[in-house]
Amino acid sequence: MPTGDSFNVSSRLKILGLIIVLGVAARLYRINGPFADWHQYRQFDTAAIARNLAEDSLNPFYPKVDWRGNSAGYVEVEFQAFTFMVAALYRVFGVHEWLARVLNLLFYAATAILLYRLTCGIFNRRAALVAAGLYSFLPLSYSVSHNFQPDTFMVLCTLAGIYYFWMWTEEERFKWLAISVLGMAMAVIIKPFCLYAGVPLIYLCWRKFGWRFIAKPVLWIYALAVVLPMTAWYLHAFNLWTLYGNTFGIFGGRVKGAYLGADTPHAGTLLKNLGWRLVWEIATPPGLLLLMAGFFVRPPSRNYIFHWWALAFLATVPMLPAGHSGHNYYQLPLVLIAAPAMAYGLVRLMDRGLFSWRVAALICAAILVCSVWALRPMIASSEELQQRTAFGRHVGQLVPDDALVVFSYPLEYKPSWYSHRTLDGDLIAGDPTDFYNSHRKGWSLFAWQTSPEMLRKLQKHHARYFATFFPKYLYRESPEIQRFLEANAVPLEVKGRWIIYQLPAPDASLGSLGEY
C-alpha cells in the first residue's frame, strides 16, 4: 500500500468515486419504503408541503400544510428550498416519495466530495479519503440522508459556505466568495441556527488578515448578504402565522406566558441523549479512540477551522436544548467535523507505527458493523406504523376529496406551543401523519383536546368527519366523546383498530347538546 500522501490523483479519484458509489448504493435500501424511520412525523410534514406545492401553486414563498383546518394552509416554517425542488420533480415525474430520497442522494454525494477537499487542505489526502468513507456510512449521516428531510441539503450548504470561504482566503478569488455567500445564505434561511458557522468564518478571516478583517467592506457585504434574506423570510413567515394560524413553532403558536423553550429538557436528559448519539450515531464506540487521537492534536496545516467549527456548534446546544435533545438530525453537522478528525486520528496512529494496515482495516470494519447495528432501529418499520398507514388510506377511500376531517391522537404532556389556531382562537395540534396518508385536510387534536365542545366548534367551520387510530386511548382520556359520537354521529367504521364517523350537520349537533 502507498504510504504518506503518495496516492496519485487518478488513484485518489477512483477510490473517492468508489466510496461515493458504495454510499449511494447503500442508501438505495428501501428507497421507496414508507416513512417508518425515526422522525417520521417530520418527514410526513415535509412530504405534505412538497405535495401541496406540486398540486397547488409551485411557490416556495407560500408553503401549505394539511392540518390547516379550513384556512388556506399557509404556514410559518423554515424556507422550503428542499420541498420546492421535490415539488418541481413531482410536476415532471408525478408524486413519488423516492424522488426526494434520490435528491438527498445527490446532496450526500456532493457533501462527501466537498468534505474530501476540505480535509485534504486541513489534514492530508489519505485522511480525506477515510473521512469521505466515514461520512458515507456513519449512522447519523446515513439515516438523515435516507429520509424525506431538508437537513442533508442544509448541511451541504453549510459545508459549501465554509469550504469556499476557506478557498477564498487561500486564493482571494471572488468566485469562491460568491459561492460561499450563496451556500451560507441558503443554510441560515433553512435553519437559522446555522449562523453558528459564522465563528469558523471569522477564524479564517483572522487567520488570513488579522484583526484588519473588521475594516474590510467586502466582509460586511458578505454578512449582510447572509443575514438579510433570512431576516426577510422569517418576518414573512411570522406574517403567515398571523394571517392563517399555522406554524411549526418558530414564533407562533406559543402558549401565553410560556417562554421560548418551555419544553426544555433537564440537563441530565440532554447530556444523556447527546452522549448516546455521540457514541452510537456520530462516532460509534471504536471510532471514539480515533476521534480523540485526531481532534486533540495540531493539524498539519496549523489551520484550526474544524476546532472552531466544533466549538461554535456546541454553543448552540444550550441555546436550543429542546431541539438538540429531541431531534438527532440537529447534530448532523457534527458528523462533518467528527469524520475528518477520526480519519486523521487513524492516519496518525498508523504513521506513528501504533497501528498496522491490518489493525486499521479491522477498526474500520468494526465501525461499519457498529453503524449497521445502530441503524437498525433508526430505519426499522413496525406493525403499528403499517396499520396506521392503512388507516389513513382507508379514510381516503371513505371520505370525499373536499371534505374536512378531524383526527385525534395521543400526547402524554401539554406542550408550550401548538401548530394551528382555529377561527375561534383555540390552539390545537398538527400531526401530519393521517392527513398525508389519507390525502385529506382538516384539524388535528390531542386526545385531551378532543371533546364534544371542540367538535361542535369545528363543525361550525365545516368539519364533516371524525377519525382516530387510537380510540381506546381517546376514550380513556375523554370518556364523554364516545357517548357523543354514538349519539350524534354516523358510524362509517368502528370495528377493529380504528374508528371513522361522519359528523352531523352543524344545526343538528347544536340541537342535541344534551344527547350524550
Protein backbone atom coordinates (compact mmCIF):
# COMPACT_ATOMS: atom_id res chain seq x y z
CA MET A 1 0.00 0.00 0.00
CA PRO A 2 1.23 3.55 -0.67
CA THR A 3 2.37 5.49 2.37
CA GLY A 4 2.33 9.19 3.20
CA ASP A 5 0.45 11.11 0.55
CA SER A 6 1.85 9.13 -2.35
CA PHE A 7 -1.51 8.27 -3.92
CA ASN A 8 -1.58 9.82 -7.37
CA VAL A 9 -4.52 11.95 -8.46
CA SER A 10 -6.07 9.21 -10.59
CA SER A 11 -5.94 6.66 -7.76
CA ARG A 12 -7.42 9.08 -5.26
CA LEU A 13 -10.31 9.99 -7.53
CA LYS A 14 -11.04 6.33 -8.26
CA ILE A 15 -11.12 5.50 -4.56
CA LEU A 16 -13.30 8.53 -3.81
CA GLY A 17 -15.61 7.58 -6.65
CA LEU A 18 -15.88 4.03 -5.32
CA ILE A 19 -16.67 5.29 -1.81
CA ILE A 20 -19.48 7.50 -3.12
CA VAL A 21 -20.88 4.75 -5.35
CA LEU A 22 -21.00 2.41 -2.36
CA GLY A 23 -22.58 5.16 -0.23
CA VAL A 24 -25.27 5.76 -2.85
CA ALA A 25 -25.88 2.04 -3.28
CA ALA A 26 -26.34 1.60 0.48
CA ARG A 27 -28.89 4.42 0.53
CA LEU A 28 -30.97 2.74 -2.16
CA TYR A 29 -32.20 0.34 0.52
CA ARG A 30 -35.96 0.86 0.99
CA ILE A 31 -35.77 3.98 -1.15
CA ASN A 32 -39.46 3.59 -1.92
CA GLY A 33 -40.39 2.49 1.58
CA PRO A 34 -42.83 4.24 3.93
CA PHE A 35 -41.80 6.94 6.39
CA ALA A 36 -41.12 4.37 9.07
CA ASP A 37 -37.78 5.84 10.09
CA TRP A 38 -37.12 7.90 13.19
CA HIS A 39 -38.74 11.31 12.87
CA GLN A 40 -41.44 10.03 10.54
CA TYR A 41 -43.62 12.86 11.91
CA ARG A 42 -41.19 15.44 10.44
CA GLN A 43 -40.98 13.51 7.18
CA PHE A 44 -44.76 13.49 6.73
CA ASP A 45 -44.85 17.27 7.22
CA THR A 46 -42.06 17.81 4.69
CA ALA A 47 -43.67 15.46 2.18
CA ALA A 48 -47.07 17.14 2.60
CA ILE A 49 -45.60 20.58 1.88
CA ALA A 50 -43.88 19.23 -1.23
CA ARG A 51 -47.08 17.57 -2.44
CA ASN A 52 -49.12 20.72 -1.83
CA LEU A 53 -46.59 22.81 -3.76
CA ALA A 54 -46.80 20.38 -6.66
CA GLU A 55 -50.61 20.14 -6.66
CA ASP A 56 -51.39 23.80 -5.99
CA SER A 57 -49.04 26.69 -6.71
CA LEU A 58 -45.33 25.99 -7.14
CA ASN A 59 -44.48 28.97 -4.97
CA PRO A 60 -41.92 28.35 -2.18
CA PHE A 61 -42.87 31.65 -0.51
CA TYR A 62 -46.31 30.23 0.37
CA PRO A 63 -45.90 26.66 1.67
CA LYS A 64 -49.04 24.82 2.78
CA VAL A 65 -49.74 22.14 5.37
CA ASP A 66 -52.64 19.68 5.62
CA TRP A 67 -53.58 20.28 9.29
CA ARG A 68 -54.86 23.69 8.24
CA GLY A 69 -58.48 23.44 9.36
CA ASN A 70 -60.46 25.42 6.81
CA SER A 71 -57.73 28.04 6.32
CA ALA A 72 -55.69 28.43 3.14
CA GLY A 73 -52.98 26.35 4.78
CA TYR A 74 -50.08 28.79 4.54
CA VAL A 75 -47.65 28.06 7.35
CA GLU A 76 -44.89 29.71 9.34
CA VAL A 77 -41.93 27.47 8.60
CA GLU A 78 -38.30 27.50 7.50
CA PHE A 79 -37.67 28.44 3.88
CA GLN A 80 -38.77 25.49 1.77
CA ALA A 81 -35.94 25.18 -0.75
CA PHE A 82 -35.84 21.39 -0.48
CA THR A 83 -39.59 20.86 -0.84
CA PHE A 84 -39.62 23.26 -3.78
CA MET A 85 -37.05 21.11 -5.60
CA VAL A 86 -39.02 17.96 -4.76
CA ALA A 87 -42.26 19.58 -5.96
CA ALA A 88 -40.59 20.53 -9.25
CA LEU A 89 -39.64 16.86 -9.71
CA TYR A 90 -43.22 15.88 -8.84
CA ARG A 91 -44.51 18.15 -11.60
CA VAL A 92 -42.38 16.22 -14.12
CA PHE A 93 -42.48 12.64 -12.84
CA GLY A 94 -45.56 12.55 -10.59
CA VAL A 95 -45.80 12.32 -6.81
CA HIS A 96 -43.31 9.64 -5.77
CA GLU A 97 -41.61 9.98 -2.38
CA TRP A 98 -38.49 8.20 -3.63
CA LEU A 99 -37.70 11.27 -5.75
CA ALA A 100 -36.94 13.20 -2.55
CA ARG A 101 -34.64 10.44 -1.40
CA VAL A 102 -32.86 10.44 -4.75
CA LEU A 103 -32.38 14.19 -4.38
CA ASN A 104 -30.82 13.60 -0.97
CA LEU A 105 -28.52 11.01 -2.53
CA LEU A 106 -27.16 13.73 -4.80
CA PHE A 107 -26.72 16.08 -1.85
CA TYR A 108 -24.91 13.33 0.08
CA ALA A 109 -22.52 12.75 -2.83
CA ALA A 110 -21.76 16.47 -3.20
CA THR A 111 -21.17 16.74 0.56
CA ALA A 112 -18.74 13.81 0.51
CA ILE A 113 -16.76 15.45 -2.31
CA LEU A 114 -16.53 18.83 -0.56
CA LEU A 115 -15.62 17.18 2.74
CA TYR A 116 -12.84 15.30 0.96
CA ARG A 117 -11.48 18.54 -0.49
CA LEU A 118 -11.60 20.42 2.81
CA THR A 119 -9.97 17.54 4.69
CA CYS A 120 -7.24 17.40 2.05
CA GLY A 121 -6.35 21.01 2.75
CA ILE A 122 -6.53 20.83 6.54
CA PHE A 123 -5.10 17.34 7.16
CA ASN A 124 -3.87 15.24 4.21
CA ARG A 125 -5.06 13.23 1.26
CA ARG A 126 -5.20 9.85 2.97
CA ALA A 127 -7.20 11.30 5.82
CA ALA A 128 -9.51 12.90 3.29
CA LEU A 129 -10.34 9.57 1.68
CA VAL A 130 -11.00 7.97 5.06
CA ALA A 131 -13.14 10.96 6.08
CA ALA A 132 -15.29 10.58 2.95
CA GLY A 133 -15.74 6.90 3.74
CA LEU A 134 -16.69 7.54 7.35
CA TYR A 135 -19.14 10.26 6.43
CA SER A 136 -20.74 7.88 3.94
CA PHE A 137 -21.55 5.17 6.48
CA LEU A 138 -21.74 6.66 9.96
CA PRO A 139 -25.29 6.08 11.25
CA LEU A 140 -26.48 9.67 11.60
CA SER A 141 -25.25 10.67 8.16
CA TYR A 142 -26.84 7.61 6.57
CA SER A 143 -30.21 7.86 8.29
CA VAL A 144 -30.79 11.58 7.69
CA SER A 145 -29.71 11.44 4.04
CA HIS A 146 -32.07 8.49 3.58
CA ASN A 147 -35.05 10.40 4.96
CA PHE A 148 -37.53 12.83 3.41
CA GLN A 149 -35.96 15.81 5.20
CA PRO A 150 -34.12 19.00 4.19
CA ASP A 151 -31.19 18.57 6.59
CA THR A 152 -28.86 16.86 4.10
CA PHE A 153 -29.24 19.86 1.80
CA MET A 154 -28.77 22.26 4.72
CA VAL A 155 -25.54 20.52 5.74
CA LEU A 156 -24.29 20.66 2.14
CA CYS A 157 -24.97 24.41 2.03
CA THR A 158 -23.17 24.95 5.34
CA LEU A 159 -20.15 22.96 4.20
CA ALA A 160 -20.09 24.79 0.86
CA GLY A 161 -20.19 28.12 2.69
CA ILE A 162 -17.22 27.16 4.88
CA TYR A 163 -15.20 25.35 2.22
CA TYR A 164 -15.41 28.07 -0.42
CA PHE A 165 -14.76 30.78 2.16
CA TRP A 166 -11.57 28.92 3.06
CA MET A 167 -10.73 28.74 -0.64
CA TRP A 168 -11.25 32.50 -0.89
CA THR A 169 -8.87 33.14 2.00
CA GLU A 170 -6.30 30.92 0.27
CA GLU A 171 -6.61 32.31 -3.26
CA GLU A 172 -8.66 35.54 -2.88
CA ARG A 173 -10.68 34.73 -6.00
CA PHE A 174 -14.06 36.43 -5.96
CA LYS A 175 -15.93 33.43 -7.40
CA TRP A 176 -15.13 31.41 -4.27
CA LEU A 177 -16.56 34.14 -2.07
CA ALA A 178 -19.69 34.35 -4.24
CA ILE A 179 -20.28 30.58 -3.94
CA SER A 180 -19.65 30.76 -0.20
CA VAL A 181 -22.19 33.50 0.38
CA LEU A 182 -24.81 31.61 -1.62
CA GLY A 183 -24.25 28.45 0.40
CA MET A 184 -24.25 30.18 3.76
CA ALA A 185 -27.29 32.33 2.93
CA MET A 186 -29.22 29.21 1.93
CA ALA A 187 -28.13 27.32 5.06
CA VAL A 188 -29.29 30.00 7.51
CA ILE A 189 -32.58 30.65 5.72
CA ILE A 190 -33.32 26.91 6.01
CA LYS A 191 -32.10 26.63 9.63
CA PRO A 192 -31.31 29.93 11.37
CA PHE A 193 -29.14 28.19 13.96
CA CYS A 194 -26.61 27.71 11.12
CA LEU A 195 -25.48 31.24 11.97
CA TYR A 196 -23.07 29.47 14.31
CA ALA A 197 -20.97 28.79 11.17
CA GLY A 198 -20.01 32.44 11.26
CA VAL A 199 -17.50 31.58 14.01
CA PRO A 200 -15.20 29.42 11.83
CA LEU A 201 -15.54 32.04 9.08
CA ILE A 202 -14.37 34.74 11.50
CA TYR A 203 -11.46 32.48 12.47
CA LEU A 204 -10.49 32.15 8.79
CA CYS A 205 -10.66 35.92 8.39
CA TRP A 206 -8.45 36.45 11.44
CA ARG A 207 -6.02 33.79 10.23
CA LYS A 208 -5.72 35.49 6.83
CA PHE A 209 -5.93 39.19 7.64
CA GLY A 210 -5.51 39.53 11.40
CA TRP A 211 -7.89 41.94 13.09
CA ARG A 212 -7.72 44.12 9.98
CA PHE A 213 -10.53 41.98 8.53
CA ILE A 214 -13.02 44.06 10.56
CA ALA A 215 -12.36 47.01 8.27
CA LYS A 216 -12.87 45.10 5.00
CA PRO A 217 -16.13 46.24 3.30
CA VAL A 218 -16.43 43.01 1.32
CA LEU A 219 -16.85 41.03 4.54
CA TRP A 220 -19.58 43.34 5.83
CA ILE A 221 -21.34 42.94 2.48
CA TYR A 222 -20.94 39.17 2.88
CA ALA A 223 -22.55 39.26 6.32
CA LEU A 224 -25.47 41.38 5.12
CA ALA A 225 -26.00 39.08 2.12
CA VAL A 226 -26.34 36.15 4.54
CA VAL A 227 -28.45 37.79 7.25
CA LEU A 228 -30.86 39.99 5.28
CA PRO A 229 -32.60 37.21 3.26
CA MET A 230 -33.01 35.18 6.45
CA THR A 231 -34.49 38.17 8.28
CA ALA A 232 -36.86 38.96 5.42
CA TRP A 233 -38.07 35.35 5.20
CA TYR A 234 -38.84 34.96 8.89
CA LEU A 235 -40.68 38.26 9.01
CA HIS A 236 -42.76 36.97 6.09
CA ALA A 237 -43.19 33.58 7.80
CA PHE A 238 -44.42 35.24 11.00
CA ASN A 239 -46.93 37.17 8.93
CA LEU A 240 -48.23 33.86 7.54
CA TRP A 241 -48.85 32.69 11.10
CA THR A 242 -50.61 35.95 11.95
CA LEU A 243 -52.91 35.72 8.96
CA TYR A 244 -53.57 31.98 8.65
CA GLY A 245 -52.84 30.45 12.06
CA ASN A 246 -50.49 27.64 11.06
CA THR A 247 -46.96 27.29 12.44
CA PHE A 248 -44.02 24.98 13.03
CA GLY A 249 -43.44 26.76 16.32
CA ILE A 250 -40.85 29.29 15.18
CA PHE A 251 -42.63 32.30 16.68
CA GLY A 252 -46.33 31.48 16.57
CA GLY A 253 -48.44 29.01 18.49
CA ARG A 254 -46.86 29.80 21.84
CA VAL A 255 -48.95 29.43 24.95
CA LYS A 256 -49.46 32.81 26.58
CA GLY A 257 -46.91 33.27 29.33
CA ALA A 258 -44.70 30.34 28.21
CA TYR A 259 -41.19 31.33 27.24
CA LEU A 260 -39.44 30.11 24.13
CA GLY A 261 -38.21 26.68 25.15
CA ALA A 262 -40.75 25.88 27.84
CA ASP A 263 -40.35 22.21 26.88
CA THR A 264 -36.63 22.39 27.69
CA PRO A 265 -35.36 19.01 28.94
CA HIS A 266 -33.40 18.57 32.15
CA ALA A 267 -29.64 18.95 31.74
CA GLY A 268 -29.15 15.29 32.61
CA THR A 269 -31.58 14.16 29.91
CA LEU A 270 -29.94 16.43 27.34
CA LEU A 271 -26.42 15.21 28.14
CA LYS A 272 -27.56 11.58 28.17
CA ASN A 273 -29.18 11.91 24.73
CA LEU A 274 -26.20 13.72 23.23
CA GLY A 275 -23.74 11.27 24.77
CA TRP A 276 -25.65 8.30 23.40
CA ARG A 277 -25.71 9.81 19.94
CA LEU A 278 -22.00 10.64 20.03
CA VAL A 279 -21.18 7.04 20.92
CA TRP A 280 -23.62 5.22 18.65
CA GLU A 281 -24.70 7.58 15.86
CA ILE A 282 -21.88 10.07 15.27
CA ALA A 283 -18.59 8.29 16.07
CA THR A 284 -19.51 4.69 17.11
CA PRO A 285 -17.63 3.05 20.03
CA PRO A 286 -14.49 2.03 18.07
CA GLY A 287 -14.43 5.44 16.43
CA LEU A 288 -14.18 7.34 19.74
CA LEU A 289 -10.48 6.50 20.07
CA LEU A 290 -9.83 7.77 16.56
CA LEU A 291 -11.84 10.92 17.29
CA MET A 292 -9.73 11.76 20.33
CA ALA A 293 -6.50 10.92 18.51
CA GLY A 294 -7.37 13.21 15.61
CA PHE A 295 -9.20 16.12 17.24
CA PHE A 296 -6.95 16.94 20.20
CA VAL A 297 -3.82 17.47 18.12
CA ARG A 298 -2.45 20.19 15.87
CA PRO A 299 -3.43 19.76 12.19
CA PRO A 300 -0.50 19.59 9.74
CA SER A 301 -1.72 22.81 8.11
CA ARG A 302 -1.97 24.51 11.52
CA ASN A 303 -5.46 25.50 10.45
CA TYR A 304 -7.93 25.00 13.34
CA ILE A 305 -11.10 25.55 11.35
CA PHE A 306 -12.61 22.21 12.44
CA HIS A 307 -11.92 23.03 16.08
CA TRP A 308 -13.60 26.43 15.89
CA TRP A 309 -16.44 24.85 13.93
CA ALA A 310 -16.95 22.28 16.69
CA LEU A 311 -16.87 24.87 19.48
CA ALA A 312 -19.35 27.09 17.65
CA PHE A 313 -21.71 24.21 17.05
CA LEU A 314 -21.56 23.04 20.67
CA ALA A 315 -22.53 26.56 21.74
CA THR A 316 -25.89 26.03 20.02
CA VAL A 317 -26.77 23.18 22.40
CA PRO A 318 -27.65 25.35 25.44
CA MET A 319 -29.32 27.82 23.08
CA LEU A 320 -31.59 25.13 21.56
CA PRO A 321 -31.73 22.39 24.19
CA ALA A 322 -35.17 21.05 23.25
CA GLY A 323 -34.25 20.71 19.58
CA HIS A 324 -30.92 19.04 20.30
CA SER A 325 -32.41 16.69 22.86
CA GLY A 326 -35.43 15.63 20.84
CA HIS A 327 -34.02 15.54 17.31
CA ASN A 328 -30.83 13.73 16.38
CA TYR A 329 -30.70 15.44 12.98
CA TYR A 330 -29.79 18.67 14.79
CA GLN A 331 -26.36 17.07 15.33
CA LEU A 332 -25.80 16.14 11.68
CA PRO A 333 -23.20 18.94 11.24
CA LEU A 334 -21.09 17.21 13.91
CA VAL A 335 -20.54 14.31 11.51
CA LEU A 336 -18.80 16.73 9.15
CA ILE A 337 -16.41 17.57 12.00
CA ALA A 338 -16.06 14.10 13.52
CA ALA A 339 -15.36 12.21 10.28
CA PRO A 340 -12.20 14.20 9.36
CA ALA A 341 -10.94 14.10 12.96
CA MET A 342 -11.48 10.33 13.15
CA ALA A 343 -9.80 9.89 9.78
CA TYR A 344 -6.76 11.93 10.76
CA GLY A 345 -6.57 10.07 14.07
CA LEU A 346 -6.40 6.77 12.19
CA VAL A 347 -3.71 8.06 9.82
CA ARG A 348 -1.62 9.47 12.70
CA LEU A 349 -1.74 6.22 14.63
CA MET A 350 -0.62 4.36 11.52
CA ASP A 351 2.17 6.81 10.73
CA ARG A 352 3.46 6.51 14.29
CA GLY A 353 3.59 2.74 13.95
CA LEU A 354 0.91 2.14 16.56
CA PHE A 355 -1.50 0.66 14.01
CA SER A 356 -0.70 -1.60 11.10
CA TRP A 357 -2.78 -1.60 7.94
CA ARG A 358 -4.40 -4.80 9.21
CA VAL A 359 -5.39 -3.23 12.54
CA ALA A 360 -6.67 -0.10 10.75
CA ALA A 361 -8.79 -2.28 8.47
CA LEU A 362 -10.22 -4.15 11.46
CA ILE A 363 -11.14 -0.87 13.17
CA CYS A 364 -12.86 0.41 10.03
CA ALA A 365 -14.74 -2.89 9.77
CA ALA A 366 -15.75 -2.59 13.44
CA ILE A 367 -17.03 0.95 12.79
CA LEU A 368 -19.07 -0.36 9.87
CA VAL A 369 -20.53 -3.21 11.96
CA CYS A 370 -21.45 -0.81 14.77
CA SER A 371 -23.01 1.54 12.23
CA VAL A 372 -25.19 -1.21 10.81
CA TRP A 373 -26.23 -2.26 14.32
CA ALA A 374 -27.08 1.32 15.32
CA LEU A 375 -29.02 1.90 12.12
CA ARG A 376 -31.44 -0.98 12.64
CA PRO A 377 -33.87 0.86 14.97
CA MET A 378 -33.37 4.13 13.08
CA ILE A 379 -34.77 2.77 9.82
CA ALA A 380 -36.97 -0.07 11.08
CA SER A 381 -40.66 -0.23 10.33
CA SER A 382 -43.26 -1.52 12.77
CA GLU A 383 -46.60 -3.24 12.51
CA GLU A 384 -48.34 -0.29 14.18
CA LEU A 385 -46.95 2.18 11.63
CA GLN A 386 -48.05 -0.09 8.80
CA GLN A 387 -51.54 -0.31 10.31
CA ARG A 388 -51.71 3.44 10.74
CA THR A 389 -50.78 3.90 7.10
CA ALA A 390 -53.58 1.53 6.15
CA PHE A 391 -55.93 3.53 8.40
CA GLY A 392 -55.11 6.77 6.62
CA ARG A 393 -55.63 5.25 3.21
CA HIS A 394 -58.95 3.81 4.37
CA VAL A 395 -60.07 7.27 5.46
CA GLY A 396 -59.15 8.49 1.98
CA GLN A 397 -61.43 5.86 0.47
CA LEU A 398 -64.42 6.71 2.67
CA VAL A 399 -64.16 10.49 2.88
CA PRO A 400 -64.82 12.75 -0.17
CA ASP A 401 -61.84 14.64 -1.56
CA ASP A 402 -63.02 18.07 -0.46
CA ALA A 403 -64.37 17.07 2.96
CA LEU A 404 -62.63 18.33 6.12
CA VAL A 405 -61.65 15.70 8.71
CA VAL A 406 -60.86 15.90 12.42
CA PHE A 407 -58.15 13.47 13.53
CA SER A 408 -57.23 12.74 17.15
CA TYR A 409 -54.03 11.24 18.54
CA PRO A 410 -52.29 10.77 21.91
CA LEU A 411 -49.79 13.02 23.65
CA GLU A 412 -48.70 12.40 27.23
CA TYR A 413 -47.96 16.04 28.09
CA LYS A 414 -49.19 19.53 27.28
CA PRO A 415 -46.61 21.36 25.12
CA SER A 416 -45.72 25.05 25.20
CA TRP A 417 -46.63 25.61 21.56
CA TYR A 418 -49.32 24.37 19.18
CA SER A 419 -49.46 24.08 15.41
CA HIS A 420 -52.85 25.50 14.46
CA ARG A 421 -55.01 28.39 15.66
CA THR A 422 -58.69 27.84 14.91
CA LEU A 423 -61.04 30.63 13.88
CA ASP A 424 -62.32 30.59 17.47
CA GLY A 425 -58.80 31.21 18.78
CA ASP A 426 -58.16 27.72 20.16
CA LEU A 427 -54.59 26.39 19.85
CA ILE A 428 -54.59 22.76 18.72
CA ALA A 429 -52.25 20.06 17.41
CA GLY A 430 -50.74 19.44 13.99
CA ASP A 431 -49.91 15.76 13.44
CA PRO A 432 -49.49 15.31 9.65
CA THR A 433 -49.45 11.51 9.55
CA ASP A 434 -53.11 10.69 8.97
CA PHE A 435 -53.66 13.70 6.72
CA TYR A 436 -50.82 12.68 4.44
CA ASN A 437 -51.82 9.03 4.23
CA SER A 438 -55.48 9.93 3.57
CA HIS A 439 -54.66 12.90 1.30
CA ARG A 440 -57.24 14.96 3.18
CA LYS A 441 -57.24 18.30 5.03
CA GLY A 442 -58.67 19.35 8.36
CA TRP A 443 -57.89 19.61 12.06
CA SER A 444 -55.62 17.60 14.34
CA LEU A 445 -56.42 17.30 18.05
CA PHE A 446 -54.59 15.85 21.00
CA ALA A 447 -56.75 13.28 22.81
CA TRP A 448 -57.19 15.56 25.81
CA GLN A 449 -58.38 18.33 23.46
CA THR A 450 -60.96 16.07 21.82
CA SER A 451 -64.27 16.94 23.44
CA PRO A 452 -67.89 17.34 22.27
CA GLU A 453 -67.49 21.11 22.72
CA MET A 454 -64.43 21.21 20.45
CA LEU A 455 -66.11 19.09 17.79
CA ARG A 456 -69.13 21.41 17.81
CA LYS A 457 -66.86 24.39 17.28
CA LEU A 458 -65.12 22.69 14.36
CA GLN A 459 -68.46 21.60 12.86
CA LYS A 460 -69.37 25.29 12.58
CA HIS A 461 -66.29 25.64 10.38
CA HIS A 462 -67.29 22.74 8.12
CA ALA A 463 -65.72 19.73 9.84
CA ARG A 464 -67.66 16.77 8.42
CA TYR A 465 -65.78 13.65 9.58
CA PHE A 466 -64.02 12.43 12.71
CA ALA A 467 -61.48 9.60 12.81
CA THR A 468 -58.78 8.26 15.06
CA PHE A 469 -56.33 5.39 15.06
CA PHE A 470 -56.28 5.49 18.87
CA PRO A 471 -59.91 5.08 20.05
CA LYS A 472 -59.04 3.22 23.27
CA TYR A 473 -56.65 5.94 24.36
CA LEU A 474 -59.08 8.66 23.32
CA TYR A 475 -62.00 7.17 25.25
CA ARG A 476 -59.80 6.80 28.32
CA GLU A 477 -58.74 10.46 28.13
CA SER A 478 -62.17 11.82 27.13
CA PRO A 479 -64.93 9.34 28.07
CA GLU A 480 -67.67 11.80 27.05
CA ILE A 481 -66.52 11.78 23.42
CA GLN A 482 -67.58 8.16 22.95
CA ARG A 483 -71.10 8.92 24.15
CA PHE A 484 -71.26 12.00 21.95
CA LEU A 485 -70.19 10.13 18.81
CA GLU A 486 -72.51 7.18 19.41
CA ALA A 487 -75.47 9.52 19.99
CA ASN A 488 -74.88 12.10 17.27
CA ALA A 489 -72.56 10.83 14.51
CA VAL A 490 -72.94 8.25 11.75
CA PRO A 491 -70.51 5.33 12.15
CA LEU A 492 -68.67 4.54 8.93
CA GLU A 493 -66.27 2.10 10.51
CA VAL A 494 -65.99 1.35 14.21
CA LYS A 495 -64.68 -2.18 14.10
CA GLY A 496 -61.10 -3.28 14.68
CA ARG A 497 -58.21 -0.95 15.32
CA TRP A 498 -59.73 2.43 14.41
CA ILE A 499 -62.97 4.42 14.20
CA ILE A 500 -64.33 6.67 11.45
CA TYR A 501 -67.51 8.74 11.91
CA GLN A 502 -69.46 11.14 9.77
CA LEU A 503 -70.40 14.16 11.85
CA PRO A 504 -73.93 15.61 11.71
CA ALA A 505 -74.67 18.96 10.12
CA PRO A 506 -73.90 21.88 12.47
CA ASP A 507 -77.57 22.70 13.08
CA ALA A 508 -78.28 19.08 14.02
CA SER A 509 -75.43 18.92 16.51
CA LEU A 510 -76.44 22.22 18.07
CA GLY A 511 -79.89 20.81 18.63
CA SER A 512 -78.58 17.79 20.52
CA LEU A 513 -76.39 19.37 23.18
CA GLY A 514 -77.64 17.06 25.89
CA GLU A 515 -77.75 13.80 23.98
CA TYR A 516 -74.57 12.38 25.35
